Amino acid sequence: MDNMENTNFEENTETSTTALDEEKAVRFQEESKDRMAKICQQIAFLEKIAGKRTVDYTPENVDKMFSYLETKLSECKATFMSKFEDEKPQNDFDFDF
């Protein structure tokens, strides 16, 4: 009987862990969807500046602005992708330096 109870406990634990991951995935989608909508809205506002006759800018201004944005996007993506990278143990010797 104890064995059966342990098996049920393990199955319930696995199920609740899976449910937790699904809840986290849904939460991620909800939060990222809202934030992406805000970011896209801000990009649209930025784009409107290009058509205004009341401002003037150089190609260097544009390059600087978009280089900054590209850097920030790359950093953000790297933060997300770091979750999927395999961490190598620090103390293992390897001939591949």
PDB file of N, CA and C in Angstrom:
ATOM      1  N   MET A   1       0.818  -1.197   0.000  1.00  0.00           N
ATOM      2  CA  MET A   1       0.000   0.000   0.000  1.00  0.00           C
ATOM      3  C   MET A   1       0.863   1.263   0.000  1.00  0.00           C
ATOM      4  N   ASP A   2       1.950   1.250   0.776  1.00  0.00           N
ATOM      5  CA  ASP A   2       2.842   2.402   0.806  1.00  0.00           C
ATOM      6  C   ASP A   2       3.438   2.664  -0.564  1.00  0.00           C
ATOM      7  N   ASN A   3       3.787   1.592  -1.273  1.00  0.00           N
ATOM      8  CA  ASN A   3       4.345   1.720  -2.613  1.00  0.00           C
ATOM      9  C   ASN A   3       3.355   2.413  -3.548  1.00  0.00           C
ATOM     10  N   MET A   4       2.119   2.040  -3.460  1.00  0.00           N
ATOM     11  CA  MET A   4       1.084   2.619  -4.306  1.00  0.00           C
ATOM     12  C   MET A   4       0.898   4.107  -3.996  1.00  0.00           C
ATOM     13  N   GLU A   5       0.934   4.451  -2.715  1.00  0.00           N
ATOM     14  CA  GLU A   5       0.799   5.855  -2.341  1.00  0.00           C
ATOM     15  C   GLU A   5       1.980   6.668  -2.866  1.00  0.00           C
ATOM     16  N   ASN A   6       3.205   6.115  -2.784  1.00  0.00           N
ATOM     17  CA  ASN A   6       4.383   6.809  -3.305  1.00  0.00           C
ATOM     18  C   ASN A   6       4.268   7.028  -4.806  1.00  0.00           C
ATOM     19  N   THR A   7       3.796   6.015  -5.516  1.00  0.00           N
ATOM     20  CA  THR A   7       3.640   6.134  -6.963  1.00  0.00           C
ATOM     21  C   THR A   7       2.648   7.244  -7.293  1.00  0.00           C
ATOM     22  N   ASN A   8       1.515   7.274  -6.595  1.00  0.00           N
ATOM     23  CA  ASN A   8       0.521   8.317  -6.830  1.00  0.00           C
ATOM     24  C   ASN A   8       1.089   9.695  -6.498  1.00  0.00           C
ATOM     25  N   PHE A   9       1.849   9.795  -5.427  1.00  0.00           N
ATOM     26  CA  PHE A   9       2.454  11.075  -5.050  1.00  0.00           C
ATOM     27  C   PHE A   9       3.408  11.549  -6.131  1.00  0.00           C
ATOM     28  N   GLU A  10       4.234  10.625  -6.647  1.00  0.00           N
ATOM     29  CA  GLU A  10       5.187  11.000  -7.693  1.00  0.00           C
ATOM     30  C   GLU A  10       4.458  11.437  -8.958  1.00  0.00           C
ATOM     31  N   GLU A  11       3.394  10.728  -9.329  1.00  0.00           N
ATOM     32  CA  GLU A  11       2.633  11.110 -10.513  1.00  0.00           C
ATOM     33  C   GLU A  11       1.993  12.483 -10.325  1.00  0.00           C
ATOM     34  N   ASN A  12       1.434  12.722  -9.151  1.00  0.00           N
ATOM     35  CA  ASN A  12       0.810  14.019  -8.876  1.00  0.00           C
ATOM     36  C   ASN A  12       1.842  15.133  -8.893  1.00  0.00           C
ATOM     37  N   THR A  13       3.041  14.866  -8.383  1.00  0.00           N
ATOM     38  CA  THR A  13       4.101  15.865  -8.375  1.00  0.00           C
ATOM     39  C   THR A  13       4.509  16.201  -9.807  1.00  0.00           C
ATOM     40  N   GLU A  14       4.667  15.180 -10.629  1.00  0.00           N
ATOM     41  CA  GLU A  14       5.035  15.416 -12.025  1.00  0.00           C
ATOM     42  C   GLU A  14       3.954  16.199 -12.745  1.00  0.00           C
ATOM     43  N   THR A  15       2.697  15.870 -12.485  1.00  0.00           N
ATOM     44  CA  THR A  15       1.592  16.568 -13.129  1.00  0.00           C
ATOM     45  C   THR A  15       1.557  18.024 -12.701  1.00  0.00           C
ATOM     46  N   SER A  16       1.732  18.281 -11.399  1.00  0.00           N
ATOM     47  CA  SER A  16       1.681  19.666 -10.935  1.00  0.00           C
ATOM     48  C   SER A  16       2.876  20.456 -11.453  1.00  0.00           C
ATOM     49  N   THR A  17       4.043  19.824 -11.607  1.00  0.00           N
ATOM     50  CA  THR A  17       5.203  20.510 -12.169  1.00  0.00           C
ATOM     51  C   THR A  17       4.934  20.885 -13.622  1.00  0.00           C
ATOM     52  N   THR A  18       4.349  19.961 -14.382  1.00  0.00           N
ATOM     53  CA  THR A  18       4.011  20.233 -15.770  1.00  0.00           C
ATOM     54  C   THR A  18       2.982  21.353 -15.847  1.00  0.00           C
ATOM     55  N   ALA A  19       1.985  21.313 -14.977  1.00  0.00           N
ATOM     56  CA  ALA A  19       0.966  22.357 -14.969  1.00  0.00           C
ATOM     57  C   ALA A  19       1.592  23.703 -14.636  1.00  0.00           C
ATOM     58  N   LEU A  20       2.536  23.707 -13.715  1.00  0.00           N
ATOM     59  CA  LEU A  20       3.218  24.946 -13.350  1.00  0.00           C
ATOM     60  C   LEU A  20       3.972  25.504 -14.551  1.00  0.00           C
ATOM     61  N   ASP A  21       4.658  24.636 -15.286  1.00  0.00           N
ATOM     62  CA  ASP A  21       5.376  25.086 -16.480  1.00  0.00           C
ATOM     63  C   ASP A  21       4.408  25.645 -17.518  1.00  0.00           C
ATOM     64  N   GLU A  22       3.258  25.000 -17.671  1.00  0.00           N
ATOM     65  CA  GLU A  22       2.261  25.489 -18.623  1.00  0.00           C
ATOM     66  C   GLU A  22       1.720  26.842 -18.180  1.00  0.00           C
ATOM     67  N   GLU A  23       1.503  26.989 -16.880  1.00  0.00           N
ATOM     68  CA  GLU A  23       1.043  28.275 -16.358  1.00  0.00           C
ATOM     69  C   GLU A  23       2.086  29.358 -16.611  1.00  0.00           C
ATOM     70  N   LYS A  24       3.351  29.003 -16.405  1.00  0.00           N
ATOM     71  CA  LYS A  24       4.427  29.966 -16.650  1.00  0.00           C
ATOM     72  C   LYS A  24       4.492  30.332 -18.125  1.00  0.00           C
ATOM     73  N   ALA A  25       4.287  29.355 -18.987  1.00  0.00           N
ATOM     74  CA  ALA A  25       4.324  29.616 -20.425  1.00  0.00           C
ATOM     75  C   ALA A  25       3.184  30.541 -20.836  1.00  0.00           C
ATOM     76  N   VAL A  26       2.008  30.308 -20.289  1.00  0.00           N
ATOM     77  CA  VAL A  26       0.861  31.168 -20.588  1.00  0.00           C
ATOM     78  C   VAL A  26       1.122  32.576 -20.067  1.00  0.00           C
ATOM     79  N   ARG A  27       1.662  32.667 -18.863  1.00  0.00           N
ATOM     80  CA  ARG A  27       1.970  33.985 -18.279  1.00  0.00           C
ATOM     81  C   ARG A  27       3.003  34.717 -19.132  1.00  0.00           C
ATOM     82  N   PHE A  28       4.033  33.975 -19.585  1.00  0.00           N
ATOM     83  CA  PHE A  28       5.050  34.578 -20.453  1.00  0.00           C
ATOM     84  C   PHE A  28       4.403  35.137 -21.707  1.00  0.00           C
ATOM     85  N   GLN A  29       3.525  34.348 -22.331  1.00  0.00           N
ATOM     86  CA  GLN A  29       2.882  34.798 -23.565  1.00  0.00           C
ATOM     87  C   GLN A  29       2.024  36.033 -23.329  1.00  0.00           C
ATOM     88  N   GLU A  30       1.294  36.042 -22.218  1.00  0.00           N
ATOM     89  CA  GLU A  30       0.453  37.199 -21.923  1.00  0.00           C
ATOM     90  C   GLU A  30       1.293  38.450 -21.675  1.00  0.00           C
ATOM     91  N   GLU A  31       2.319  38.319 -20.845  1.00  0.00           N
ATOM     92  CA  GLU A  31       3.155  39.474 -20.520  1.00  0.00           C
ATOM     93  C   GLU A  31       3.948  39.948 -21.729  1.00  0.00           C
ATOM     94  N   SER A  32       4.513  39.008 -22.485  1.00  0.00           N
ATOM     95  CA  SER A  32       5.320  39.428 -23.634  1.00  0.00           C
ATOM     96  C   SER A  32       4.441  40.012 -24.732  1.00  0.00           C
ATOM     97  N   LYS A  33       3.229  39.502 -24.881  1.00  0.00           N
ATOM     98  CA  LYS A  33       2.312  40.049 -25.893  1.00  0.00           C
ATOM     99  C   LYS A  33       2.002  41.513 -25.591  1.00  0.00           C
ATOM    100  N   ASP A  34       1.698  41.806 -24.343  1.00  0.00           N
ATOM    101  CA  ASP A  34       1.404  43.190 -23.951  1.00  0.00           C
ATOM    102  C   ASP A  34       2.615  44.087 -24.167  1.00  0.00           C
ATOM    103  N   ARG A  35       3.772  43.611 -23.751  1.00  0.00           N
ATOM    104  CA  ARG A  35       4.987  44.431 -23.883  1.00  0.00           C
ATOM    105  C   ARG A  35       5.379  44.614 -25.343  1.00  0.00           C
ATOM    106  N   MET A  36       5.223  43.558 -26.145  1.00  0.00           N
ATOM    107  CA  MET A  36       5.535  43.682 -27.569  1.00  0.00           C
ATOM    108  C   MET A  36       4.599  44.687 -28.237  1.00  0.00           C
ATOM    109  N   ALA A  37       3.338  44.690 -27.854  1.00  0.00           N
ATOM    110  CA  ALA A  37       2.388  45.653 -28.418  1.00  0.00           C
ATOM    111  C   ALA A  37       2.824  47.079 -28.084  1.00  0.00           C
ATOM    112  N   LYS A  38       3.264  47.300 -26.845  1.00  0.00           N
ATOM    113  CA  LYS A  38       3.728  48.636 -26.439  1.00  0.00           C
ATOM    114  C   LYS A  38       4.979  49.038 -27.211  1.00  0.00           C
ATOM    115  N   ILE A  39       5.907  48.086 -27.376  1.00  0.00           N
ATOM    116  CA  ILE A  39       7.140  48.375 -28.108  1.00  0.00           C
ATOM    117  C   ILE A  39       6.829  48.715 -29.568  1.00  0.00           C
ATOM    118  N   CYS A  40       5.954  47.936 -30.188  1.00  0.00           N
ATOM    119  CA  CYS A  40       5.591  48.189 -31.589  1.00  0.00           C
ATOM    120  C   CYS A  40       4.896  49.538 -31.737  1.00  0.00           C
ATOM    121  N   GLN A  41       4.083  49.900 -30.757  1.00  0.00           N
ATOM    122  CA  GLN A  41       3.429  51.204 -30.776  1.00  0.00           C
ATOM    123  C   GLN A  41       4.469  52.320 -30.694  1.00  0.00           C
ATOM    124  N   GLN A  42       5.456  52.157 -29.844  1.00  0.00           N
ATOM    125  CA  GLN A  42       6.506  53.169 -29.711  1.00  0.00           C
ATOM    126  C   GLN A  42       7.341  53.265 -30.986  1.00  0.00           C
ATOM    127  N   ILE A  43       7.585  52.137 -31.630  1.00  0.00           N
ATOM    128  CA  ILE A  43       8.325  52.153 -32.897  1.00  0.00           C
ATOM    129  C   ILE A  43       7.517  52.910 -33.959  1.00  0.00           C
ATOM    130  N   ALA A  44       6.208  52.705 -33.972  1.00  0.00           N
ATOM    131  CA  ALA A  44       5.359  53.435 -34.916  1.00  0.00           C
ATOM    132  C   ALA A  44       5.419  54.939 -34.643  1.00  0.00           C
ATOM    133  N   PHE A  45       5.436  55.326 -33.365  1.00  0.00           N
ATOM    134  CA  PHE A  45       5.583  56.747 -33.019  1.00  0.00           C
ATOM    135  C   PHE A  45       6.921  57.280 -33.497  1.00  0.00           C
ATOM    136  N   LEU A  46       7.969  56.496 -33.318  1.00  0.00           N
ATOM    137  CA  LEU A  46       9.297  56.908 -33.763  1.00  0.00           C
ATOM    138  C   LEU A  46       9.312  57.085 -35.282  1.00  0.00           C
ATOM    139  N   GLU A  47       8.690  56.161 -35.978  1.00  0.00           N
ATOM    140  CA  GLU A  47       8.658  56.215 -37.443  1.00  0.00           C
ATOM    141  C   GLU A  47       7.961  57.482 -37.946  1.00  0.00           C
ATOM    142  N   LYS A  48       6.970  57.949 -37.227  1.00  0.00           N
ATOM    143  CA  LYS A  48       6.248  59.162 -37.639  1.00  0.00           C
ATOM    144  C   LYS A  48       7.164  60.380 -37.687  1.00  0.00           C
ATOM    145  N   ILE A  49       8.205  60.387 -36.865  1.00  0.00           N
ATOM    146  CA  ILE A  49       9.134  61.520 -36.864  1.00  0.00           C
ATOM    147  C   ILE A  49       9.786  61.675 -38.237  1.00  0.00           C
ATOM    148  N   ALA A  50      10.034  60.560 -38.922  1.00  0.00           N
ATOM    149  CA  ALA A  50      10.713  60.603 -40.225  1.00  0.00           C
ATOM    150  C   ALA A  50       9.917  61.400 -41.248  1.00  0.00           C
ATOM    151  N   GLY A  51       8.611  61.428 -41.128  1.00  0.00           N
ATOM    152  CA  GLY A  51       7.778  62.131 -42.099  1.00  0.00           C
ATOM    153  C   GLY A  51       7.475  63.571 -41.738  1.00  0.00           C
ATOM    154  N   LYS A  52       7.911  64.008 -40.569  1.00  0.00           N
ATOM    155  CA  LYS A  52       7.613  65.379 -40.144  1.00  0.00           C
ATOM    156  C   LYS A  52       8.505  66.384 -40.868  1.00  0.00           C
ATOM    157  N   ARG A  53       7.899  67.486 -41.219  1.00  0.00           N
ATOM    158  CA  ARG A  53       8.657  68.551 -41.864  1.00  0.00           C
ATOM    159  C   ARG A  53       9.280  69.491 -40.839  1.00  0.00           C
ATOM    160  N   THR A  54       8.926  69.305 -39.571  1.00  0.00           N
ATOM    161  CA  THR A  54       9.419  70.203 -38.524  1.00  0.00           C
ATOM    162  C   THR A  54      10.728  69.720 -37.909  1.00  0.00           C
ATOM    163  N   VAL A  55      11.225  68.577 -38.358  1.00  0.00           N
ATOM    164  CA  VAL A  55      12.497  68.069 -37.840  1.00  0.00           C
ATOM    165  C   VAL A  55      13.455  67.832 -38.993  1.00  0.00           C
ATOM    166  N   ASP A  56      14.728  67.833 -38.675  1.00  0.00           N
ATOM    167  CA  ASP A  56      15.747  67.534 -39.673  1.00  0.00           C
ATOM    168  C   ASP A  56      16.774  66.627 -39.020  1.00  0.00           C
ATOM    169  N   TYR A  57      17.316  65.719 -39.788  1.00  0.00           N
ATOM    170  CA  TYR A  57      18.271  64.747 -39.249  1.00  0.00           C
ATOM    171  C   TYR A  57      19.207  64.306 -40.352  1.00  0.00           C
ATOM    172  N   THR A  58      20.337  63.739 -39.943  1.00  0.00           N
ATOM    173  CA  THR A  58      21.352  63.271 -40.882  1.00  0.00           C
ATOM    174  C   THR A  58      21.341  61.748 -40.927  1.00  0.00           C
ATOM    175  N   PRO A  59      21.967  61.182 -41.954  1.00  0.00           N
ATOM    176  CA  PRO A  59      22.113  59.725 -41.981  1.00  0.00           C
ATOM    177  C   PRO A  59      22.860  59.209 -40.745  1.00  0.00           C
ATOM    178  N   GLU A  60      23.785  60.020 -40.248  1.00  0.00           N
ATOM    179  CA  GLU A  60      24.532  59.624 -39.048  1.00  0.00           C
ATOM    180  C   GLU A  60      23.610  59.541 -37.838  1.00  0.00           C
ATOM    181  N   ASN A  61      22.651  60.480 -37.729  1.00  0.00           N
ATOM    182  CA  ASN A  61      21.673  60.431 -36.646  1.00  0.00           C
ATOM    183  C   ASN A  61      20.874  59.131 -36.702  1.00  0.00           C
ATOM    184  N   VAL A  62      20.453  58.786 -37.908  1.00  0.00           N
ATOM    185  CA  VAL A  62      19.649  57.572 -38.096  1.00  0.00           C
ATOM    186  C   VAL A  62      20.480  56.331 -37.763  1.00  0.00           C
ATOM    187  N   ASP A  63      21.709  56.289 -38.269  1.00  0.00           N
ATOM    188  CA  ASP A  63      22.590  55.146 -37.982  1.00  0.00           C
ATOM    189  C   ASP A  63      22.840  54.991 -36.486  1.00  0.00           C
ATOM    190  N   LYS A  64      23.084  56.099 -35.823  1.00  0.00           N
ATOM    191  CA  LYS A  64      23.354  56.064 -34.389  1.00  0.00           C
ATOM    192  C   LYS A  64      22.135  55.551 -33.618  1.00  0.00           C
ATOM    193  N   MET A  65      20.969  56.045 -33.981  1.00  0.00           N
ATOM    194  CA  MET A  65      19.730  55.655 -33.323  1.00  0.00           C
ATOM    195  C   MET A  65      19.464  54.158 -33.505  1.00  0.00           C
ATOM    196  N   PHE A  66      19.587  53.685 -34.738  1.00  0.00           N
ATOM    197  CA  PHE A  66      19.272  52.285 -34.996  1.00  0.00           C
ATOM    198  C   PHE A  66      20.375  51.336 -34.530  1.00  0.00           C
ATOM    199  N   SER A  67      21.607  51.794 -34.509  1.00  0.00           N
ATOM    200  CA  SER A  67      22.680  50.980 -33.924  1.00  0.00           C
ATOM    201  C   SER A  67      22.419  50.742 -32.450  1.00  0.00           C
ATOM    202  N   TYR A  68      21.976  51.786 -31.769  1.00  0.00           N
ATOM    203  CA  TYR A  68      21.647  51.662 -30.351  1.00  0.00           C
ATOM    204  C   TYR A  68      20.510  50.662 -30.150  1.00  0.00           C
ATOM    205  N   LEU A  69      19.447  50.801 -30.957  1.00  0.00           N
ATOM    206  CA  LEU A  69      18.309  49.881 -30.843  1.00  0.00           C
ATOM    207  C   LEU A  69      18.717  48.436 -31.141  1.00  0.00           C
ATOM    208  N   GLU A  70      19.520  48.247 -32.182  1.00  0.00           N
ATOM    209  CA  GLU A  70      19.977  46.903 -32.535  1.00  0.00           C
ATOM    210  C   GLU A  70      20.818  46.291 -31.418  1.00  0.00           C
ATOM    211  N   THR A  71      21.658  47.108 -30.779  1.00  0.00           N
ATOM    212  CA  THR A  71      22.465  46.624 -29.661  1.00  0.00           C
ATOM    213  C   THR A  71      21.568  46.194 -28.511  1.00  0.00           C
ATOM    214  N   LYS A  72      20.597  47.022 -28.173  1.00  0.00           N
ATOM    215  CA  LYS A  72      19.681  46.694 -27.078  1.00  0.00           C
ATOM    216  C   LYS A  72      18.871  45.432 -27.386  1.00  0.00           C
ATOM    217  N   LEU A  73      18.430  45.287 -28.628  1.00  0.00           N
ATOM    218  CA  LEU A  73      17.692  44.083 -29.025  1.00  0.00           C
ATOM    219  C   LEU A  73      18.579  42.840 -28.936  1.00  0.00           C
ATOM    220  N   SER A  74      19.820  42.957 -29.379  1.00  0.00           N
ATOM    221  CA  SER A  74      20.757  41.828 -29.301  1.00  0.00           C
ATOM    222  C   SER A  74      21.012  41.427 -27.855  1.00  0.00           C
ATOM    223  N   GLU A  75      21.185  42.415 -26.983  1.00  0.00           N
ATOM    224  CA  GLU A  75      21.395  42.123 -25.568  1.00  0.00           C
ATOM    225  C   GLU A  75      20.171  41.440 -24.961  1.00  0.00           C
ATOM    226  N   CYS A  76      19.003  41.924 -25.315  1.00  0.00           N
ATOM    227  CA  CYS A  76      17.760  41.340 -24.803  1.00  0.00           C
ATOM    228  C   CYS A  76      17.612  39.896 -25.286  1.00  0.00           C
ATOM    229  N   LYS A  77      17.861  39.672 -26.559  1.00  0.00           N
ATOM    230  CA  LYS A  77      17.763  38.316 -27.109  1.00  0.00           C
ATOM    231  C   LYS A  77      18.768  37.391 -26.440  1.00  0.00           C
ATOM    232  N   ALA A  78      19.983  37.866 -26.222  1.00  0.00           N
ATOM    233  CA  ALA A  78      21.012  37.051 -25.567  1.00  0.00           C
ATOM    234  C   ALA A  78      20.581  36.656 -24.159  1.00  0.00           C
ATOM    235  N   THR A  79      19.909  37.565 -23.463  1.00  0.00           N
ATOM    236  CA  THR A  79      19.412  37.255 -22.129  1.00  0.00           C
ATOM    237  C   THR A  79      18.386  36.139 -22.192  1.00  0.00           C
ATOM    238  N   PHE A  80      17.468  36.219 -23.146  1.00  0.00           N
ATOM    239  CA  PHE A  80      16.468  35.157 -23.303  1.00  0.00           C
ATOM    240  C   PHE A  80      17.128  33.837 -23.706  1.00  0.00           C
ATOM    241  N   MET A  81      18.047  33.880 -24.645  1.00  0.00           N
ATOM    242  CA  MET A  81      18.656  32.660 -25.175  1.00  0.00           C
ATOM    243  C   MET A  81      19.609  32.006 -24.187  1.00  0.00           C
ATOM    244  N   SER A  82      20.111  32.752 -23.225  1.00  0.00           N
ATOM    245  CA  SER A  82      21.043  32.183 -22.247  1.00  0.00           C
ATOM    246  C   SER A  82      20.408  31.058 -21.447  1.00  0.00           C
ATOM    247  N   LYS A  83      19.102  31.055 -21.361  1.00  0.00           N
ATOM    248  CA  LYS A  83      18.384  29.979 -20.666  1.00  0.00           C
ATOM    249  C   LYS A  83      18.627  28.624 -21.332  1.00  0.00           C
ATOM    250  N   PHE A  84      18.889  28.615 -22.619  1.00  0.00           N
ATOM    251  CA  PHE A  84      19.002  27.377 -23.377  1.00  0.00           C
ATOM    252  C   PHE A  84      20.439  26.935 -23.622  1.00  0.00           C
ATOM    253  N   GLU A  85      21.391  27.716 -23.163  1.00  0.00           N
ATOM    254  CA  GLU A  85      22.796  27.366 -23.349  1.00  0.00           C
ATOM    255  C   GLU A  85      23.227  26.350 -22.307  1.00  0.00           C
ATOM    256  N   ASP A  86      24.029  25.402 -22.741  1.00  0.00           N
ATOM    257  CA  ASP A  86      24.587  24.421 -21.809  1.00  0.00           C
ATOM    258  C   ASP A  86      25.740  25.067 -21.077  1.00  0.00           C
ATOM    259  N   GLU A  87      25.701  24.962 -19.771  1.00  0.00           N
ATOM    260  CA  GLU A  87      26.797  25.497 -18.976  1.00  0.00           C
ATOM    261  C   GLU A  87      27.852  24.420 -18.808  1.00  0.00           C
ATOM    262  N   LYS A  88      29.096  24.748 -19.161  1.00  0.00           N
ATOM    263  CA  LYS A  88      30.198  23.820 -18.973  1.00  0.00           C
ATOM    264  C   LYS A  88      30.741  24.003 -17.564  1.00  0.00           C
ATOM    265  N   PRO A  89      31.062  22.916 -16.915  1.00  0.00           N
ATOM    266  CA  PRO A  89      31.674  23.063 -15.581  1.00  0.00           C
ATOM    267  C   PRO A  89      32.989  23.828 -15.686  1.00  0.00           C
ATOM    268  N   GLN A  90      33.233  24.702 -14.731  1.00  0.00           N
ATOM    269  CA  GLN A  90      34.410  25.561 -14.748  1.00  0.00           C
ATOM    270  C   GLN A  90      35.708  24.797 -14.490  1.00  0.00           C
ATOM    271  N   ASN A  91      35.653  23.703 -13.740  1.00  0.00           N
ATOM    272  CA  ASN A  91      36.867  23.040 -13.265  1.00  0.00           C
ATOM    273  C   ASN A  91      37.326  21.869 -14.135  1.00  0.00           C
ATOM    274  N   ASP A  92      36.628  21.577 -15.212  1.00  0.00           N
ATOM    275  CA  ASP A  92      37.037  20.461 -16.059  1.00  0.00           C
ATOM    276  C   ASP A  92      38.189  20.874 -16.988  1.00  0.00           C
ATOM    277  N   PHE A  93      39.212  20.039 -17.032  1.00  0.00           N
ATOM    278  CA  PHE A  93      40.332  20.303 -17.907  1.00  0.00           C
ATOM    279  C   PHE A  93      39.964  19.887 -19.321  1.00  0.00           C
ATOM    280  N   ASP A  94      40.392  20.674 -20.289  1.00  0.00           N
ATOM    281  CA  ASP A  94      40.126  20.370 -21.684  1.00  0.00           C
ATOM    282  C   ASP A  94      41.292  20.902 -22.505  1.00  0.00           C
ATOM    283  N   PHE A  95      41.702  20.180 -23.538  1.00  0.00           N
ATOM    284  CA  PHE A  95      42.788  20.628 -24.397  1.00  0.00           C
ATOM    285  C   PHE A  95      42.342  21.688 -25.394  1.00  0.00           C
ATOM    286  N   ASP A  96      41.031  21.901 -25.518  1.00  0.00           N
ATOM    287  CA  ASP A  96      40.516  22.928 -26.421  1.00  0.00           C
ATOM    288  C   ASP A  96      40.522  24.261 -25.681  1.00  0.00           C
ATOM    289  N   PHE A  97      41.577  25.017 -25.849  1.00  0.00           N
ATOM    290  CA  PHE A  97      41.685  26.311 -25.150  1.00  0.00           C
ATOM    291  C   PHE A  97      41.052  27.384 -25.957  1.00  0.00           C
TER     292      PHE A  97
END
